[in-house]
PDB file of N, CA and C in Angstrom:
ATOM      1  N   MET A   1     -18.561  23.467  23.263  1.00  0.00           N
ATOM      2  CA  MET A   1     -19.406  23.305  22.101  1.00  0.00           C
ATOM      3  C   MET A   1     -19.482  24.590  21.296  1.00  0.00           C
ATOM      4  N   GLU A   2     -19.318  25.725  21.935  1.00  0.00           N
ATOM      5  CA  GLU A   2     -19.381  26.993  21.202  1.00  0.00           C
ATOM      6  C   GLU A   2     -18.262  27.084  20.177  1.00  0.00           C
ATOM      7  N   LEU A   3     -17.111  26.486  20.488  1.00  0.00           N
ATOM      8  CA  LEU A   3     -15.989  26.497  19.569  1.00  0.00           C
ATOM      9  C   LEU A   3     -16.359  25.790  18.266  1.00  0.00           C
ATOM     10  N   PHE A   4     -16.972  24.614  18.374  1.00  0.00           N
ATOM     11  CA  PHE A   4     -17.357  23.873  17.181  1.00  0.00           C
ATOM     12  C   PHE A   4     -18.425  24.621  16.392  1.00  0.00           C
ATOM     13  N   THR A   5     -19.320  25.268  17.084  1.00  0.00           N
ATOM     14  CA  THR A   5     -20.348  26.046  16.407  1.00  0.00           C
ATOM     15  C   THR A   5     -19.722  27.201  15.633  1.00  0.00           C
ATOM     16  N   ARG A   6     -18.766  27.876  16.209  1.00  0.00           N
ATOM     17  CA  ARG A   6     -18.100  28.979  15.516  1.00  0.00           C
ATOM     18  C   ARG A   6     -17.290  28.491  14.320  1.00  0.00           C
ATOM     19  N   ILE A   7     -16.630  27.345  14.474  1.00  0.00           N
ATOM     20  CA  ILE A   7     -15.803  26.839  13.379  1.00  0.00           C
ATOM     21  C   ILE A   7     -16.664  26.430  12.190  1.00  0.00           C
ATOM     22  N   PHE A   8     -17.743  25.708  12.425  1.00  0.00           N
ATOM     23  CA  PHE A   8     -18.528  25.157  11.328  1.00  0.00           C
ATOM     24  C   PHE A   8     -19.603  26.093  10.794  1.00  0.00           C
ATOM     25  N   ASP A   9     -19.931  27.145  11.503  1.00  0.00           N
ATOM     26  CA  ASP A   9     -21.006  28.028  11.059  1.00  0.00           C
ATOM     27  C   ASP A   9     -20.525  29.227  10.269  1.00  0.00           C
ATOM     28  N   SER A  10     -19.307  29.678  10.494  1.00  0.00           N
ATOM     29  CA  SER A  10     -18.870  30.897   9.818  1.00  0.00           C
ATOM     30  C   SER A  10     -17.899  30.574   8.687  1.00  0.00           C
ATOM     31  N   TYR A  11     -17.840  31.469   7.731  1.00  0.00           N
ATOM     32  CA  TYR A  11     -16.949  31.322   6.583  1.00  0.00           C
ATOM     33  C   TYR A  11     -15.491  31.354   7.033  1.00  0.00           C
ATOM     34  N   VAL A  12     -15.172  32.270   7.932  1.00  0.00           N
ATOM     35  CA  VAL A  12     -13.799  32.381   8.440  1.00  0.00           C
ATOM     36  C   VAL A  12     -13.417  31.125   9.224  1.00  0.00           C
ATOM     37  N   GLY A  13     -14.344  30.578   9.964  1.00  0.00           N
ATOM     38  CA  GLY A  13     -14.084  29.352  10.704  1.00  0.00           C
ATOM     39  C   GLY A  13     -13.793  28.180   9.786  1.00  0.00           C
ATOM     40  N   MET A  14     -14.535  28.087   8.685  1.00  0.00           N
ATOM     41  CA  MET A  14     -14.291  27.019   7.717  1.00  0.00           C
ATOM     42  C   MET A  14     -12.932  27.189   7.046  1.00  0.00           C
ATOM     43  N   LEU A  15     -12.565  28.423   6.734  1.00  0.00           N
ATOM     44  CA  LEU A  15     -11.241  28.668   6.160  1.00  0.00           C
ATOM     45  C   LEU A  15     -10.143  28.303   7.147  1.00  0.00           C
ATOM     46  N   SER A  16     -10.321  28.651   8.400  1.00  0.00           N
ATOM     47  CA  SER A  16      -9.339  28.312   9.425  1.00  0.00           C
ATOM     48  C   SER A  16      -9.198  26.802   9.572  1.00  0.00           C
ATOM     49  N   LEU A  17     -10.295  26.105   9.581  1.00  0.00           N
ATOM     50  CA  LEU A  17     -10.268  24.649   9.668  1.00  0.00           C
ATOM     51  C   LEU A  17      -9.565  24.051   8.457  1.00  0.00           C
ATOM     52  N   GLY A  18      -9.835  24.606   7.280  1.00  0.00           N
ATOM     53  CA  GLY A  18      -9.164  24.134   6.072  1.00  0.00           C
ATOM     54  C   GLY A  18      -7.666  24.335   6.131  1.00  0.00           C
ATOM     55  N   VAL A  19      -7.231  25.486   6.636  1.00  0.00           N
ATOM     56  CA  VAL A  19      -5.807  25.764   6.753  1.00  0.00           C
ATOM     57  C   VAL A  19      -5.155  24.821   7.763  1.00  0.00           C
ATOM     58  N   ILE A  20      -5.804  24.580   8.868  1.00  0.00           N
ATOM     59  CA  ILE A  20      -5.264  23.674   9.883  1.00  0.00           C
ATOM     60  C   ILE A  20      -5.119  22.270   9.309  1.00  0.00           C
ATOM     61  N   LEU A  21      -6.138  21.787   8.614  1.00  0.00           N
ATOM     62  CA  LEU A  21      -6.074  20.447   8.023  1.00  0.00           C
ATOM     63  C   LEU A  21      -5.002  20.368   6.937  1.00  0.00           C
ATOM     64  N   PHE A  22      -4.879  21.420   6.144  1.00  0.00           N
ATOM     65  CA  PHE A  22      -3.857  21.455   5.107  1.00  0.00           C
ATOM     66  C   PHE A  22      -2.461  21.401   5.720  1.00  0.00           C
ATOM     67  N   MET A  23      -2.232  22.151   6.775  1.00  0.00           N
ATOM     68  CA  MET A  23      -0.928  22.158   7.429  1.00  0.00           C
ATOM     69  C   MET A  23      -0.606  20.802   8.053  1.00  0.00           C
ATOM     70  N   LEU A  24      -1.582  20.153   8.650  1.00  0.00           N
ATOM     71  CA  LEU A  24      -1.357  18.814   9.200  1.00  0.00           C
ATOM     72  C   LEU A  24      -1.023  17.813   8.097  1.00  0.00           C
ATOM     73  N   GLY A  25      -1.721  17.915   6.987  1.00  0.00           N
ATOM     74  CA  GLY A  25      -1.421  17.050   5.847  1.00  0.00           C
ATOM     75  C   GLY A  25      -0.035  17.314   5.290  1.00  0.00           C
ATOM     76  N   MET A  26       0.355  18.567   5.232  1.00  0.00           N
ATOM     77  CA  MET A  26       1.688  18.927   4.763  1.00  0.00           C
ATOM     78  C   MET A  26       2.757  18.378   5.695  1.00  0.00           C
ATOM     79  N   PHE A  27       2.509  18.427   6.989  1.00  0.00           N
ATOM     80  CA  PHE A  27       3.450  17.882   7.963  1.00  0.00           C
ATOM     81  C   PHE A  27       3.649  16.387   7.736  1.00  0.00           C
ATOM     82  N   VAL A  28       2.566  15.659   7.545  1.00  0.00           N
ATOM     83  CA  VAL A  28       2.652  14.213   7.325  1.00  0.00           C
ATOM     84  C   VAL A  28       3.427  13.925   6.048  1.00  0.00           C
ATOM     85  N   TRP A  29       3.140  14.667   4.962  1.00  0.00           N
ATOM     86  CA  TRP A  29       3.823  14.440   3.693  1.00  0.00           C
ATOM     87  C   TRP A  29       5.314  14.719   3.820  1.00  0.00           C
ATOM     88  N   PHE A  30       5.692  15.842   4.421  1.00  0.00           N
ATOM     89  CA  PHE A  30       7.107  16.181   4.567  1.00  0.00           C
ATOM     90  C   PHE A  30       7.822  15.164   5.461  1.00  0.00           C
ATOM     91  N   TYR A  31       7.176  14.712   6.524  1.00  0.00           N
ATOM     92  CA  TYR A  31       7.784  13.722   7.408  1.00  0.00           C
ATOM     93  C   TYR A  31       8.098  12.440   6.650  1.00  0.00           C
ATOM     94  N   LYS A  32       7.131  11.943   5.886  1.00  0.00           N
ATOM     95  CA  LYS A  32       7.345  10.728   5.103  1.00  0.00           C
ATOM     96  C   LYS A  32       8.412  10.952   4.037  1.00  0.00           C
ATOM     97  N   PHE A  33       8.378  12.089   3.376  1.00  0.00           N
ATOM     98  CA  PHE A  33       9.337  12.389   2.313  1.00  0.00           C
ATOM     99  C   PHE A  33      10.757  12.425   2.853  1.00  0.00           C
ATOM    100  N   PHE A  34      10.972  13.147   3.932  1.00  0.00           N
ATOM    101  CA  PHE A  34      12.325  13.283   4.467  1.00  0.00           C
ATOM    102  C   PHE A  34      12.835  11.988   5.087  1.00  0.00           C
ATOM    103  N   THR A  35      11.980  11.239   5.771  1.00  0.00           N
ATOM    104  CA  THR A  35      12.444   9.974   6.330  1.00  0.00           C
ATOM    105  C   THR A  35      12.801   8.990   5.221  1.00  0.00           C
ATOM    106  N   LYS A  36      12.053   9.013   4.120  1.00  0.00           N
ATOM    107  CA  LYS A  36      12.371   8.149   2.982  1.00  0.00           C
ATOM    108  C   LYS A  36      13.709   8.544   2.356  1.00  0.00           C
ATOM    109  N   LYS A  37      13.937   9.832   2.180  1.00  0.00           N
ATOM    110  CA  LYS A  37      15.192  10.301   1.583  1.00  0.00           C
ATOM    111  C   LYS A  37      16.384  10.006   2.489  1.00  0.00           C
ATOM    112  N   ILE A  38      16.216  10.145   3.782  1.00  0.00           N
ATOM    113  CA  ILE A  38      17.302   9.844   4.717  1.00  0.00           C
ATOM    114  C   ILE A  38      17.628   8.358   4.675  1.00  0.00           C
ATOM    115  N   ALA A  39      16.605   7.510   4.611  1.00  0.00           N
ATOM    116  CA  ALA A  39      16.838   6.067   4.542  1.00  0.00           C
ATOM    117  C   ALA A  39      17.543   5.695   3.237  1.00  0.00           C
ATOM    118  N   GLU A  40      17.143   6.326   2.125  1.00  0.00           N
ATOM    119  CA  GLU A  40      17.805   6.060   0.844  1.00  0.00           C
ATOM    120  C   GLU A  40      19.268   6.481   0.882  1.00  0.00           C
ATOM    121  N   GLU A  41      19.537   7.632   1.482  1.00  0.00           N
ATOM    122  CA  GLU A  41      20.913   8.113   1.568  1.00  0.00           C
ATOM    123  C   GLU A  41      21.763   7.199   2.451  1.00  0.00           C
ATOM    124  N   ASP A  42      21.203   6.750   3.558  1.00  0.00           N
ATOM    125  CA  ASP A  42      21.936   5.816   4.429  1.00  0.00           C
ATOM    126  C   ASP A  42      22.231   4.511   3.708  1.00  0.00           C
ATOM    127  N   GLN A  43      21.258   4.019   2.966  1.00  0.00           N
ATOM    128  CA  GLN A  43      21.464   2.768   2.233  1.00  0.00           C
ATOM    129  C   GLN A  43      22.520   2.942   1.146  1.00  0.00           C
ATOM    130  N   ALA A  44      22.491   4.061   0.431  1.00  0.00           N
ATOM    131  CA  ALA A  44      23.491   4.318  -0.599  1.00  0.00           C
ATOM    132  C   ALA A  44      24.875   4.462   0.019  1.00  0.00           C
ATOM    133  N   ARG A  45      24.954   5.095   1.164  1.00  0.00           N
ATOM    134  CA  ARG A  45      26.236   5.263   1.845  1.00  0.00           C
ATOM    135  C   ARG A  45      26.779   3.912   2.327  1.00  0.00           C
ATOM    136  N   ASN A  46      25.900   3.029   2.819  1.00  0.00           N
ATOM    137  CA  ASN A  46      26.313   1.708   3.268  1.00  0.00           C
ATOM    138  C   ASN A  46      26.757   0.822   2.103  1.00  0.00           C
ATOM    139  N   ASN A  47      26.081   0.958   0.968  1.00  0.00           N
ATOM    140  CA  ASN A  47      26.448   0.163  -0.203  1.00  0.00           C
ATOM    141  C   ASN A  47      27.760   0.634  -0.819  1.00  0.00           C
ATOM    142  N   LYS A  48      28.077   1.880  -0.637  1.00  0.00           N
ATOM    143  CA  LYS A  48      29.314   2.443  -1.196  1.00  0.00           C
ATOM    144  C   LYS A  48      30.537   1.897  -0.462  1.00  0.00           C
ATOM    145  N   ASN A  49      30.394   1.663   0.840  1.00  0.00           N
ATOM    146  CA  ASN A  49      31.534   1.181   1.654  1.00  0.00           C
ATOM    147  C   ASN A  49      31.748  -0.273   1.525  1.00  0.00           C
TER     148      ASN A  49
END
């Protein structure tokens, strides 16, 4: 419980939490973006043949 108290009570803890959430969101966005582009490229390659 002390961990949660430190994260939510201090300014540095809130910034750290914000950075962690931002990085997780960035990971999700990049994963979706790259999987979509790979699927499009595979489909274009299959249609070409």
